[in-house]
Amino acid sequence: MSKYNISLVHSQNAPDFLTVSAILILNDVPIIHGNQDTISLRETPYYPGADVEKQLVDEMVANEDCDARIHVTEEMRTYINEKYGSKRDVVFCNYVSDSMMPTSFKEKLSEKDRKVHIVYEGTLASLEGDHYDLQQIFKDIASYEMHIHIYDYHSNKDYQKLAEGDGFIHYHGHLDPRNLFREMTQYDFGWSGFNVAKNKAHMDVALPNKTFEYLACGLPVLSFPHEAQKKFIMKHGVGLVFKDLEEMQEKLADNELAKRIHKNVLRKRSWFTVERNIHKITELYYQTISNYRSLFHGS
């Protein structure tokens, strides 16, 4: 690798095979491993047909044999350190780049029909019990006569069918991220509540990308009490956390609360960008490279 003048490799899961490949191939370059997911806390496979046993071994090797780690939450850092031993590390959330943040907002649909419009964007699953299996949750939201707008990461006919014949469920398919972010500004809230039938432990340490993408679009986040996400939302006052949809409806009915949270999101959305927080990563890079050279090269 010296001929390419590479000082460090930064790889992330999930799964973890890219980091494992780097560990197996490279002998003279420090490796930083990023944890965004935890295969070992899931009861459903990362994807249909996945070799779970191999993925569990990869998670272990990646975390035990890397030189430093990055985690998306403090809760994930605690879990990984307890399971695989501590290393030099830092918490760096799934922030959004400044370049992706909408500079202007569309007119709210709720201004026209006086109904609540919620958006969900990202991964969806049809595997029963998967945390991305949100079909029943979406039906329940619609039963309260709140609109749920769905933008899928990949096309999913099950969710398209779910929207057929229901005036409160809207399946919009897939959009390019830059167009999607502008599109999402017309809604009132971003949905980040997940199915915890099988993967509650995983969701309690995770903090999904979509949480920050909603904030970038000026949307408060709606969430069930997934531990890491709950702490983030409550700490910054950028959304509502509730145990069920009945409680959510009660909180949404408090107009002053909703206005205060919206105002808070608009004031703080620039806090949660890559550029605002990138110093945490660069400092870890410098520390890891310096430590590696001291240990193995005496300089």
Protein backbone atom coordinates (compact mmCIF):
# COMPACT_ATOMS: atom_id res chain seq x y z
CA MET A 1 0.00 0.00 0.00
CA SER A 2 2.97 2.31 0.40
CA LYS A 3 3.09 3.02 -3.33
CA TYR A 4 -0.40 4.57 -3.06
CA ASN A 5 0.68 6.72 -0.10
CA ILE A 6 -2.31 5.62 1.99
CA SER A 7 -2.05 6.60 5.65
CA LEU A 8 -5.30 5.11 6.97
CA VAL A 9 -8.33 3.03 5.96
CA HIS A 10 -11.78 3.94 7.28
CA SER A 11 -14.43 1.28 6.66
CA GLN A 12 -17.87 0.78 8.15
CA ASN A 13 -20.60 -1.79 8.52
CA ALA A 14 -23.04 -3.27 7.97
CA PRO A 15 -22.23 -6.03 7.27
CA ASP A 16 -18.61 -5.85 8.34
CA PHE A 17 -16.85 -7.79 5.58
CA LEU A 18 -15.15 -4.76 4.04
CA THR A 19 -13.33 -4.01 7.27
CA VAL A 20 -12.43 -7.69 7.65
CA SER A 21 -11.04 -7.70 4.09
CA ALA A 22 -8.88 -4.68 4.89
CA ILE A 23 -7.63 -6.34 8.08
CA LEU A 24 -6.68 -9.52 6.18
CA ILE A 25 -4.93 -7.70 3.34
CA LEU A 26 -3.20 -4.75 4.98
CA ASN A 27 -0.27 -5.05 7.35
CA ASP A 28 1.12 -1.53 7.41
CA VAL A 29 -1.94 0.76 7.52
CA PRO A 30 -4.15 1.51 10.56
CA ILE A 31 -7.82 0.64 10.13
CA ILE A 32 -10.80 2.46 11.63
CA HIS A 33 -14.09 0.58 11.78
CA GLY A 34 -17.44 2.37 11.87
CA ASN A 35 -20.46 0.80 13.61
CA GLN A 36 -23.82 1.94 12.27
CA ASP A 37 -25.63 -1.36 12.81
CA THR A 38 -25.29 -4.29 15.17
CA ILE A 39 -25.81 -7.69 13.56
CA SER A 40 -25.43 -9.36 16.97
CA LEU A 41 -28.43 -7.50 18.41
CA ARG A 42 -30.79 -8.42 15.59
CA GLU A 43 -33.17 -11.36 15.47
CA THR A 44 -33.98 -10.83 11.79
CA PRO A 45 -31.29 -11.10 9.08
CA TYR A 46 -29.62 -7.99 7.73
CA TYR A 47 -31.02 -8.96 4.34
CA PRO A 48 -33.01 -12.00 3.11
CA GLY A 49 -30.80 -15.07 2.77
CA ALA A 50 -27.90 -13.55 4.72
CA ASP A 51 -25.28 -15.86 6.22
CA VAL A 52 -25.86 -14.69 9.76
CA GLU A 53 -23.13 -16.85 11.33
CA LYS A 54 -20.51 -15.41 8.98
CA GLN A 55 -21.77 -11.88 9.62
CA LEU A 56 -21.46 -12.42 13.37
CA VAL A 57 -17.86 -13.58 12.95
CA ASP A 58 -17.15 -10.59 10.71
CA GLU A 59 -18.56 -8.23 13.34
CA MET A 60 -16.28 -9.74 15.95
CA VAL A 61 -13.14 -9.65 13.79
CA ALA A 62 -13.82 -6.12 12.55
CA ASN A 63 -14.26 -4.76 16.07
CA GLU A 64 -11.52 -6.75 17.77
CA ASP A 65 -8.80 -6.35 15.13
CA CYS A 66 -9.31 -2.77 13.98
CA ASP A 67 -7.19 0.05 15.41
CA ALA A 68 -10.01 2.44 16.32
CA ARG A 69 -13.79 2.68 16.09
CA ILE A 70 -16.55 5.14 15.25
CA HIS A 71 -20.08 4.64 16.63
CA VAL A 72 -23.34 6.38 15.77
CA THR A 73 -24.51 6.60 19.41
CA GLU A 74 -23.17 6.43 22.94
CA GLU A 75 -25.40 3.41 23.48
CA MET A 76 -23.78 1.58 20.59
CA ARG A 77 -20.33 2.49 21.87
CA THR A 78 -21.20 1.04 25.28
CA TYR A 79 -22.54 -2.17 23.76
CA ILE A 80 -19.57 -2.71 21.42
CA ASN A 81 -16.99 -1.94 24.11
CA GLU A 82 -18.63 -4.37 26.53
CA LYS A 83 -18.86 -7.11 23.91
CA TYR A 84 -15.52 -6.75 22.10
CA GLY A 85 -13.34 -4.73 24.44
CA SER A 86 -12.60 -1.03 24.41
CA LYS A 87 -10.46 0.82 21.85
CA ARG A 88 -9.77 4.40 20.87
CA ASP A 89 -13.14 5.59 19.58
CA VAL A 90 -15.54 8.45 19.00
CA VAL A 91 -19.30 8.91 18.58
CA PHE A 92 -20.27 10.44 15.24
CA CYS A 93 -23.96 10.40 14.31
CA ASN A 94 -25.40 9.94 10.82
CA TYR A 95 -25.20 13.62 10.03
CA VAL A 96 -26.27 15.24 6.75
CA SER A 97 -23.97 17.22 4.50
CA ASP A 98 -24.58 20.97 4.26
CA SER A 99 -24.93 20.54 0.51
CA MET A 100 -28.05 18.38 0.98
CA MET A 101 -29.96 20.84 3.16
CA PRO A 102 -32.86 22.56 1.36
CA THR A 103 -32.36 26.30 1.07
CA SER A 104 -36.07 26.94 0.54
CA PHE A 105 -39.20 25.13 1.68
CA LYS A 106 -42.33 24.14 -0.22
CA GLU A 107 -45.77 25.19 0.99
CA LYS A 108 -47.09 22.82 3.64
CA LEU A 109 -49.90 20.50 2.52
CA SER A 110 -51.46 21.03 5.94
CA GLU A 111 -51.94 24.71 5.09
CA LYS A 112 -54.37 23.60 2.41
CA ASP A 113 -56.37 20.83 4.08
CA ARG A 114 -55.72 21.39 7.83
CA LYS A 115 -54.70 17.73 8.21
CA VAL A 116 -51.46 16.38 9.67
CA HIS A 117 -49.04 15.15 6.98
CA ILE A 118 -46.25 12.80 8.09
CA VAL A 119 -43.47 11.56 5.82
CA TYR A 120 -41.40 8.38 5.99
CA GLU A 121 -38.36 7.94 3.77
CA GLY A 122 -35.88 5.09 3.57
CA THR A 123 -35.76 1.33 3.88
CA LEU A 124 -38.95 -0.74 4.12
CA ALA A 125 -39.31 -4.47 4.69
CA SER A 126 -42.04 -7.06 4.31
CA LEU A 127 -40.35 -9.60 6.58
CA GLU A 128 -42.64 -9.99 9.58
CA GLY A 129 -41.09 -8.58 12.75
CA ASP A 130 -38.24 -6.79 11.00
CA HIS A 131 -37.80 -3.29 12.41
CA TYR A 132 -38.47 -1.95 8.91
CA ASP A 133 -41.75 -3.88 8.69
CA LEU A 134 -43.96 -0.81 9.09
CA GLN A 135 -47.13 -1.86 7.28
CA GLN A 136 -49.31 -2.13 10.39
CA ILE A 137 -47.88 1.08 11.84
CA PHE A 138 -48.73 2.97 8.66
CA LYS A 139 -52.26 1.55 8.68
CA ASP A 140 -52.66 2.60 12.30
CA ILE A 141 -51.49 6.15 11.53
CA ALA A 142 -54.02 6.35 8.70
CA SER A 143 -56.77 5.13 11.04
CA TYR A 144 -56.29 8.35 13.03
CA GLU A 145 -56.93 10.29 9.80
CA MET A 146 -53.37 11.52 9.59
CA HIS A 147 -51.68 11.36 6.21
CA ILE A 148 -48.56 9.20 5.89
CA HIS A 149 -46.40 9.79 2.78
CA ILE A 150 -43.96 7.00 1.93
CA TYR A 151 -40.74 7.36 -0.08
CA ASP A 152 -39.03 3.99 -0.42
CA TYR A 153 -35.30 3.36 -0.76
CA HIS A 154 -36.16 0.47 -3.10
CA SER A 155 -39.46 -0.19 -4.81
CA ASN A 156 -41.76 -2.34 -2.64
CA LYS A 157 -45.05 -3.51 -4.11
CA ASP A 158 -46.43 -4.45 -0.68
CA TYR A 159 -46.39 -0.82 0.42
CA GLN A 160 -47.68 0.34 -2.94
CA LYS A 161 -50.61 -2.04 -2.50
CA LEU A 162 -51.08 -0.82 1.09
CA ALA A 163 -51.74 2.68 -0.23
CA GLU A 164 -54.35 1.56 -2.74
CA GLY A 165 -57.84 2.45 -1.61
CA ASP A 166 -56.68 4.35 1.50
CA GLY A 167 -56.91 8.11 1.18
CA PHE A 168 -54.46 8.64 4.06
CA ILE A 169 -51.59 6.38 2.87
CA HIS A 170 -49.58 7.71 -0.07
CA TYR A 171 -46.82 5.66 -1.71
CA HIS A 172 -44.51 7.90 -3.75
CA GLY A 173 -41.86 5.33 -4.67
CA HIS A 174 -38.20 6.36 -4.94
CA LEU A 175 -36.73 9.82 -5.48
CA ASP A 176 -33.19 11.05 -5.98
CA PRO A 177 -32.03 12.30 -2.55
CA ARG A 178 -31.59 15.92 -3.63
CA ASN A 179 -35.12 16.02 -5.02
CA LEU A 180 -36.42 14.07 -2.02
CA PHE A 181 -35.11 16.54 0.55
CA ARG A 182 -36.83 19.46 -1.18
CA GLU A 183 -40.02 17.39 -1.53
CA MET A 184 -40.09 16.51 2.17
CA THR A 185 -40.28 20.16 3.24
CA GLN A 186 -44.00 20.20 2.36
CA TYR A 187 -44.84 17.80 5.21
CA ASP A 188 -45.24 18.48 8.93
CA PHE A 189 -43.27 15.70 10.62
CA GLY A 190 -40.81 12.91 9.80
CA TRP A 191 -41.61 9.39 10.98
CA SER A 192 -38.82 7.45 12.72
CA GLY A 193 -40.73 4.92 14.82
CA PHE A 194 -39.93 1.26 14.18
CA ASN A 195 -41.28 -2.24 14.68
CA VAL A 196 -39.72 -3.65 17.85
CA ALA A 197 -41.33 -7.10 17.77
CA LYS A 198 -37.94 -8.76 17.23
CA ASN A 199 -35.21 -6.11 17.07
CA LYS A 200 -35.89 -3.86 20.05
CA ALA A 201 -32.35 -4.28 21.42
CA HIS A 202 -30.90 -3.16 18.12
CA MET A 203 -33.22 -0.16 17.79
CA ASP A 204 -32.34 0.97 21.31
CA VAL A 205 -28.71 1.58 20.29
CA ALA A 206 -29.36 2.85 16.76
CA LEU A 207 -29.94 6.40 15.51
CA PRO A 208 -31.09 6.19 11.88
CA ASN A 209 -29.95 8.46 9.04
CA LYS A 210 -33.51 9.55 8.44
CA THR A 211 -33.68 11.30 11.81
CA PHE A 212 -31.07 13.80 10.64
CA GLU A 213 -32.49 14.00 7.14
CA TYR A 214 -35.87 15.05 8.53
CA LEU A 215 -34.21 17.71 10.67
CA ALA A 216 -32.30 19.00 7.64
CA CYS A 217 -35.67 19.51 5.96
CA GLY A 218 -37.06 21.40 8.96
CA LEU A 219 -39.24 18.50 10.12
CA PRO A 220 -39.61 17.49 13.77
CA VAL A 221 -39.14 13.75 14.34
CA LEU A 222 -41.91 11.43 15.55
CA SER A 223 -40.62 8.37 17.37
CA PHE A 224 -41.50 5.53 19.67
CA PRO A 225 -39.19 5.41 22.74
CA HIS A 226 -36.20 3.76 21.06
CA GLU A 227 -33.58 4.51 23.70
CA ALA A 228 -30.80 6.29 21.79
CA GLN A 229 -33.20 8.17 19.55
CA LYS A 230 -35.43 9.12 22.48
CA LYS A 231 -32.46 10.63 24.33
CA PHE A 232 -31.37 12.58 21.25
CA ILE A 233 -34.84 13.97 20.54
CA MET A 234 -35.48 14.96 24.14
CA LYS A 235 -32.02 16.45 24.66
CA HIS A 236 -32.36 18.76 21.68
CA GLY A 237 -36.13 19.25 21.72
CA VAL A 238 -36.47 18.33 18.05
CA GLY A 239 -39.45 16.00 18.05
CA LEU A 240 -42.04 14.01 19.96
CA VAL A 241 -41.56 10.65 21.66
CA PHE A 242 -44.57 8.55 22.65
CA LYS A 243 -45.41 4.99 23.66
CA ASP A 244 -48.27 4.59 21.17
CA LEU A 245 -50.24 6.47 18.53
CA GLU A 246 -52.93 7.52 20.97
CA GLU A 247 -50.33 9.39 22.99
CA MET A 248 -48.89 10.81 19.77
CA GLN A 249 -52.28 12.19 18.78
CA GLU A 250 -52.64 13.81 22.20
CA LYS A 251 -49.26 15.51 21.87
CA LEU A 252 -49.96 16.66 18.33
CA ALA A 253 -53.19 18.24 19.53
CA ASP A 254 -51.12 20.62 21.68
CA ASN A 255 -50.61 23.37 19.11
CA GLU A 256 -48.23 25.36 21.29
CA LEU A 257 -46.00 22.31 21.80
CA ALA A 258 -45.95 21.59 18.05
CA LYS A 259 -45.07 25.21 17.23
CA ARG A 260 -42.28 25.25 19.81
CA ILE A 261 -40.74 22.06 18.44
CA HIS A 262 -40.95 23.26 14.83
CA LYS A 263 -39.24 26.51 15.81
CA ASN A 264 -36.55 24.59 17.65
CA VAL A 265 -35.85 22.38 14.62
CA LEU A 266 -35.46 25.37 12.33
CA ARG A 267 -33.08 26.98 14.82
CA LYS A 268 -30.96 23.86 15.36
CA ARG A 269 -31.01 22.00 12.03
CA SER A 270 -27.60 23.34 11.03
CA TRP A 271 -26.11 21.81 14.20
CA PHE A 272 -26.48 18.30 12.83
CA THR A 273 -24.34 18.44 9.70
CA VAL A 274 -21.18 16.58 8.75
CA GLU A 275 -19.31 19.85 8.35
CA ARG A 276 -20.29 21.09 11.81
CA ASN A 277 -19.01 17.89 13.45
CA ILE A 278 -16.26 16.59 11.15
CA HIS A 279 -13.52 17.67 13.56
CA LYS A 280 -14.39 14.61 15.68
CA ILE A 281 -13.41 12.35 12.78
CA THR A 282 -10.28 14.21 11.73
CA GLU A 283 -9.03 14.24 15.32
CA LEU A 284 -9.54 10.47 15.52
CA TYR A 285 -7.66 10.06 12.22
CA TYR A 286 -4.67 12.01 13.48
CA GLN A 287 -4.64 10.22 16.84
CA THR A 288 -4.90 6.78 15.23
CA ILE A 289 -2.16 7.42 12.70
CA SER A 290 0.12 8.92 15.34
CA ASN A 291 -0.44 6.04 17.74
CA TYR A 292 0.09 3.44 15.00
CA ARG A 293 3.40 4.98 13.93
CA SER A 294 4.59 5.19 17.52
CA LEU A 295 3.80 1.54 18.20
CA PHE A 296 5.11 -0.02 15.00
CA HIS A 297 7.60 2.42 13.52
CA GLY A 298 9.00 4.18 16.55
CA SER A 299 8.22 7.63 15.14
